[in-house]
Amino acid sequence: MRSWDRVIGYALLPLALLSCHVSREPKSDEKSKQELLALENRWLQVEDDPVALDDILASDFLHVVPGAIITKNQHLQFLREHPAGGKRPEPAFRRSACKGLW
């Protein structure tokens, strides 16, 4: 009987390990979601600060504006040449939600 206990134990071991791995995946997804939201919120906080945006935006960032598509460097240069004055209205998408990404 002892040998059957071992056989059953060895047969169930991969299932136990797999269930541990599967149970960790949602936490990873949740962590990714939180990191993405934190980055988006940071971007919204510093959207008029070219120094801070330089760290956030990817080198291949493209900004679609009416009639043109500008690069990261062009976007940052525009912000340097046209600093924001006064308080801006709150964007409608300030409280965005990550849907369909995971």
N, C-alpha and C. Protein backbone atom coordinates (compact mmCIF):
# COMPACT_ATOMS: atom_id res chain seq x y z
N MET A 1 0.81 -1.20 0.00
CA MET A 1 0.00 0.00 0.00
C MET A 1 0.85 1.26 0.00
N ARG A 2 2.00 1.20 0.62
CA ARG A 2 2.86 2.37 0.67
C ARG A 2 3.28 2.82 -0.73
N SER A 3 3.54 1.87 -1.62
CA SER A 3 3.97 2.24 -2.97
C SER A 3 2.86 2.97 -3.73
N TRP A 4 1.60 2.58 -3.51
CA TRP A 4 0.49 3.27 -4.17
C TRP A 4 0.35 4.70 -3.65
N ASP A 5 0.62 4.89 -2.38
CA ASP A 5 0.58 6.25 -1.83
C ASP A 5 1.59 7.15 -2.53
N ARG A 6 2.77 6.59 -2.78
CA ARG A 6 3.80 7.37 -3.46
C ARG A 6 3.41 7.65 -4.91
N VAL A 7 2.86 6.65 -5.58
CA VAL A 7 2.44 6.83 -6.98
C VAL A 7 1.39 7.92 -7.07
N ILE A 8 0.41 7.85 -6.19
CA ILE A 8 -0.65 8.87 -6.19
C ILE A 8 -0.07 10.24 -5.84
N GLY A 9 0.84 10.27 -4.87
CA GLY A 9 1.47 11.53 -4.49
C GLY A 9 2.25 12.15 -5.63
N TYR A 10 3.04 11.32 -6.33
CA TYR A 10 3.80 11.82 -7.48
C TYR A 10 2.88 12.24 -8.63
N ALA A 11 1.76 11.57 -8.77
CA ALA A 11 0.82 11.92 -9.84
C ALA A 11 0.13 13.26 -9.54
N LEU A 12 -0.12 13.53 -8.28
CA LEU A 12 -0.80 14.77 -7.90
C LEU A 12 0.14 15.97 -7.77
N LEU A 13 1.43 15.72 -7.64
CA LEU A 13 2.39 16.81 -7.47
C LEU A 13 2.36 17.83 -8.61
N PRO A 14 2.38 17.40 -9.89
CA PRO A 14 2.30 18.41 -10.96
C PRO A 14 1.02 19.23 -10.92
N LEU A 15 -0.09 18.61 -10.55
CA LEU A 15 -1.34 19.36 -10.44
C LEU A 15 -1.27 20.41 -9.34
N ALA A 16 -0.65 20.04 -8.22
CA ALA A 16 -0.52 20.99 -7.12
C ALA A 16 0.37 22.16 -7.53
N LEU A 17 1.48 21.87 -8.21
CA LEU A 17 2.37 22.94 -8.66
C LEU A 17 1.70 23.83 -9.70
N LEU A 18 0.94 23.22 -10.60
CA LEU A 18 0.23 23.99 -11.62
C LEU A 18 -0.82 24.90 -10.98
N SER A 19 -1.52 24.40 -9.99
CA SER A 19 -2.54 25.23 -9.35
C SER A 19 -1.91 26.41 -8.62
N CYS A 20 -0.72 26.23 -8.07
CA CYS A 20 -0.03 27.36 -7.43
C CYS A 20 0.35 28.40 -8.46
N HIS A 21 0.82 27.95 -9.62
CA HIS A 21 1.22 28.88 -10.68
C HIS A 21 0.00 29.64 -11.22
N VAL A 22 -1.09 28.95 -11.45
CA VAL A 22 -2.29 29.58 -12.00
C VAL A 22 -2.86 30.59 -11.01
N SER A 23 -2.79 30.30 -9.73
CA SER A 23 -3.36 31.22 -8.76
C SER A 23 -2.55 32.51 -8.66
N ARG A 24 -1.29 32.50 -9.09
CA ARG A 24 -0.47 33.70 -9.04
C ARG A 24 -0.69 34.61 -10.24
N GLU A 25 -1.16 34.11 -11.34
CA GLU A 25 -1.30 34.92 -12.56
C GLU A 25 -2.21 36.13 -12.40
N PRO A 26 -3.38 36.02 -11.78
CA PRO A 26 -4.21 37.22 -11.63
C PRO A 26 -3.52 38.33 -10.84
N LYS A 27 -2.70 37.97 -9.86
CA LYS A 27 -1.99 38.99 -9.11
C LYS A 27 -1.02 39.73 -10.03
N SER A 28 -0.38 38.99 -10.92
CA SER A 28 0.53 39.62 -11.88
C SER A 28 -0.24 40.56 -12.80
N ASP A 29 -1.40 40.12 -13.28
CA ASP A 29 -2.23 40.98 -14.12
C ASP A 29 -2.67 42.22 -13.36
N GLU A 30 -3.06 42.04 -12.12
CA GLU A 30 -3.50 43.17 -11.31
C GLU A 30 -2.34 44.14 -11.08
N LYS A 31 -1.15 43.60 -10.86
CA LYS A 31 0.02 44.46 -10.66
C LYS A 31 0.31 45.25 -11.94
N SER A 32 0.23 44.59 -13.09
CA SER A 32 0.45 45.28 -14.36
C SER A 32 -0.57 46.38 -14.57
N LYS A 33 -1.81 46.09 -14.23
CA LYS A 33 -2.88 47.08 -14.38
C LYS A 33 -2.61 48.29 -13.49
N GLN A 34 -2.19 48.03 -12.25
CA GLN A 34 -1.91 49.13 -11.32
C GLN A 34 -0.71 49.96 -11.79
N GLU A 35 0.32 49.28 -12.34
CA GLU A 35 1.48 50.01 -12.86
C GLU A 35 1.09 50.89 -14.04
N LEU A 36 0.24 50.36 -14.91
CA LEU A 36 -0.20 51.13 -16.07
C LEU A 36 -1.02 52.35 -15.64
N LEU A 37 -1.92 52.15 -14.69
CA LEU A 37 -2.73 53.27 -14.20
C LEU A 37 -1.86 54.32 -13.50
N ALA A 38 -0.86 53.86 -12.75
CA ALA A 38 0.04 54.80 -12.08
C ALA A 38 0.82 55.62 -13.10
N LEU A 39 1.27 54.97 -14.17
CA LEU A 39 1.99 55.69 -15.22
C LEU A 39 1.08 56.69 -15.92
N GLU A 40 -0.14 56.28 -16.20
CA GLU A 40 -1.09 57.20 -16.84
C GLU A 40 -1.38 58.40 -15.94
N ASN A 41 -1.58 58.15 -14.65
CA ASN A 41 -1.84 59.25 -13.72
C ASN A 41 -0.64 60.18 -13.61
N ARG A 42 0.55 59.61 -13.62
CA ARG A 42 1.77 60.44 -13.58
C ARG A 42 1.84 61.32 -14.83
N TRP A 43 1.55 60.73 -15.97
CA TRP A 43 1.56 61.48 -17.24
C TRP A 43 0.58 62.65 -17.15
N LEU A 44 -0.62 62.40 -16.65
CA LEU A 44 -1.63 63.47 -16.54
C LEU A 44 -1.18 64.57 -15.58
N GLN A 45 -0.43 64.20 -14.54
CA GLN A 45 0.04 65.20 -13.57
C GLN A 45 1.11 66.11 -14.16
N VAL A 46 1.91 65.58 -15.08
CA VAL A 46 3.06 66.34 -15.59
C VAL A 46 2.94 66.65 -17.08
N GLU A 47 1.73 66.64 -17.62
CA GLU A 47 1.56 66.77 -19.07
C GLU A 47 2.09 68.08 -19.65
N ASP A 48 2.34 69.09 -18.82
CA ASP A 48 2.89 70.36 -19.30
C ASP A 48 4.36 70.53 -18.93
N ASP A 49 4.97 69.51 -18.37
CA ASP A 49 6.36 69.57 -17.92
C ASP A 49 7.25 68.75 -18.86
N PRO A 50 7.96 69.41 -19.78
CA PRO A 50 8.76 68.66 -20.76
C PRO A 50 9.86 67.81 -20.13
N VAL A 51 10.42 68.24 -19.01
CA VAL A 51 11.48 67.46 -18.36
C VAL A 51 10.92 66.14 -17.83
N ALA A 52 9.78 66.22 -17.15
CA ALA A 52 9.17 65.00 -16.61
C ALA A 52 8.65 64.10 -17.73
N LEU A 53 8.07 64.69 -18.75
CA LEU A 53 7.55 63.89 -19.87
C LEU A 53 8.66 63.19 -20.64
N ASP A 54 9.83 63.78 -20.67
CA ASP A 54 10.96 63.16 -21.36
C ASP A 54 11.26 61.78 -20.78
N ASP A 55 11.08 61.61 -19.47
CA ASP A 55 11.30 60.31 -18.83
C ASP A 55 10.15 59.35 -19.07
N ILE A 56 8.95 59.85 -19.26
CA ILE A 56 7.76 59.00 -19.39
C ILE A 56 7.56 58.52 -20.83
N LEU A 57 7.69 59.41 -21.79
CA LEU A 57 7.38 59.07 -23.18
C LEU A 57 8.48 58.23 -23.82
N ALA A 58 8.07 57.24 -24.59
CA ALA A 58 9.01 56.38 -25.32
C ALA A 58 9.70 57.18 -26.42
N SER A 59 10.87 56.72 -26.81
CA SER A 59 11.63 57.43 -27.85
C SER A 59 10.88 57.47 -29.18
N ASP A 60 10.02 56.49 -29.43
CA ASP A 60 9.25 56.46 -30.69
C ASP A 60 7.83 56.99 -30.53
N PHE A 61 7.59 57.75 -29.46
CA PHE A 61 6.28 58.34 -29.20
C PHE A 61 5.86 59.24 -30.35
N LEU A 62 4.61 59.12 -30.76
CA LEU A 62 4.03 59.99 -31.78
C LEU A 62 2.75 60.60 -31.23
N HIS A 63 2.58 61.89 -31.42
CA HIS A 63 1.40 62.61 -30.95
C HIS A 63 0.60 63.04 -32.17
N VAL A 64 -0.62 62.55 -32.24
CA VAL A 64 -1.50 62.91 -33.36
C VAL A 64 -2.24 64.18 -32.97
N VAL A 65 -2.00 65.22 -33.75
CA VAL A 65 -2.67 66.51 -33.55
C VAL A 65 -3.40 66.84 -34.84
N PRO A 66 -4.35 67.78 -34.79
CA PRO A 66 -5.07 68.12 -36.03
C PRO A 66 -4.12 68.51 -37.16
N GLY A 67 -4.17 67.75 -38.22
CA GLY A 67 -3.37 68.07 -39.40
C GLY A 67 -1.93 67.59 -39.38
N ALA A 68 -1.51 66.89 -38.33
CA ALA A 68 -0.11 66.47 -38.28
C ALA A 68 0.10 65.33 -37.29
N ILE A 69 1.24 64.72 -37.41
CA ILE A 69 1.72 63.75 -36.43
C ILE A 69 3.11 64.23 -36.03
N ILE A 70 3.31 64.48 -34.72
CA ILE A 70 4.60 65.01 -34.28
C ILE A 70 5.32 63.98 -33.42
N THR A 71 6.64 64.07 -33.44
CA THR A 71 7.48 63.14 -32.68
C THR A 71 7.58 63.58 -31.22
N LYS A 72 8.20 62.74 -30.43
CA LYS A 72 8.43 63.07 -29.03
C LYS A 72 9.22 64.37 -28.91
N ASN A 73 10.31 64.47 -29.66
CA ASN A 73 11.14 65.68 -29.58
C ASN A 73 10.38 66.93 -30.00
N GLN A 74 9.56 66.83 -31.02
CA GLN A 74 8.75 67.98 -31.45
C GLN A 74 7.73 68.35 -30.37
N HIS A 75 7.14 67.35 -29.75
CA HIS A 75 6.16 67.59 -28.69
C HIS A 75 6.82 68.30 -27.51
N LEU A 76 7.97 67.79 -27.09
CA LEU A 76 8.67 68.40 -25.95
C LEU A 76 9.15 69.82 -26.29
N GLN A 77 9.61 70.01 -27.52
CA GLN A 77 10.05 71.35 -27.94
C GLN A 77 8.88 72.33 -27.93
N PHE A 78 7.71 71.89 -28.38
CA PHE A 78 6.53 72.75 -28.35
C PHE A 78 6.20 73.16 -26.91
N LEU A 79 6.27 72.20 -25.98
CA LEU A 79 5.98 72.52 -24.58
C LEU A 79 6.99 73.51 -24.02
N ARG A 80 8.25 73.40 -24.43
CA ARG A 80 9.27 74.34 -23.96
C ARG A 80 9.01 75.75 -24.50
N GLU A 81 8.59 75.82 -25.76
CA GLU A 81 8.35 77.12 -26.40
C GLU A 81 7.01 77.74 -26.02
N HIS A 82 6.07 76.92 -25.57
CA HIS A 82 4.73 77.40 -25.22
C HIS A 82 4.33 76.88 -23.84
N PRO A 83 4.95 77.41 -22.79
CA PRO A 83 4.60 76.92 -21.45
C PRO A 83 3.14 77.21 -21.12
N ALA A 84 2.54 76.29 -20.40
CA ALA A 84 1.13 76.44 -20.02
C ALA A 84 0.99 77.58 -19.03
N GLY A 85 0.02 78.41 -19.25
CA GLY A 85 -0.24 79.51 -18.34
C GLY A 85 -1.62 79.35 -17.74
N GLY A 86 -1.69 79.45 -16.44
CA GLY A 86 -2.98 79.32 -15.79
C GLY A 86 -3.39 77.87 -15.61
N LYS A 87 -4.53 77.73 -15.00
CA LYS A 87 -5.04 76.39 -14.70
C LYS A 87 -5.81 75.85 -15.90
N ARG A 88 -5.53 74.60 -16.24
CA ARG A 88 -6.22 73.94 -17.34
C ARG A 88 -7.48 73.25 -16.83
N PRO A 89 -8.48 73.12 -17.67
CA PRO A 89 -9.67 72.38 -17.25
C PRO A 89 -9.34 70.91 -17.06
N GLU A 90 -10.06 70.27 -16.17
CA GLU A 90 -9.86 68.84 -15.90
C GLU A 90 -10.30 68.04 -17.12
N PRO A 91 -9.43 67.16 -17.64
CA PRO A 91 -9.82 66.33 -18.79
C PRO A 91 -10.97 65.39 -18.44
N ALA A 92 -11.80 65.11 -19.41
CA ALA A 92 -12.94 64.22 -19.18
C ALA A 92 -12.48 62.79 -18.92
N PHE A 93 -11.30 62.43 -19.39
CA PHE A 93 -10.83 61.06 -19.22
C PHE A 93 -9.94 60.89 -18.00
N ARG A 94 -9.96 61.81 -17.10
CA ARG A 94 -9.09 61.77 -15.91
C ARG A 94 -9.22 60.45 -15.15
N ARG A 95 -10.40 59.92 -15.02
CA ARG A 95 -10.63 58.68 -14.27
C ARG A 95 -10.85 57.53 -15.25
N SER A 96 -9.88 57.24 -16.04
CA SER A 96 -10.03 56.18 -17.03
C SER A 96 -9.94 54.81 -16.37
N ALA A 97 -10.43 53.83 -17.06
CA ALA A 97 -10.39 52.45 -16.57
C ALA A 97 -9.74 51.58 -17.62
N CYS A 98 -8.97 50.62 -17.17
CA CYS A 98 -8.35 49.67 -18.09
C CYS A 98 -9.36 48.58 -18.41
N LYS A 99 -9.83 48.56 -19.62
CA LYS A 99 -10.79 47.54 -20.03
C LYS A 99 -10.28 46.86 -21.28
N GLY A 100 -10.38 45.56 -21.31
CA GLY A 100 -10.01 44.81 -22.49
C GLY A 100 -8.52 44.67 -22.70
N LEU A 101 -7.72 45.07 -21.74
CA LEU A 101 -6.28 44.94 -21.89
C LEU A 101 -5.79 43.59 -21.38
N TRP A 102 -6.55 42.99 -20.48
CA TRP A 102 -6.11 41.73 -19.91
C TRP A 102 -7.13 40.68 -20.10
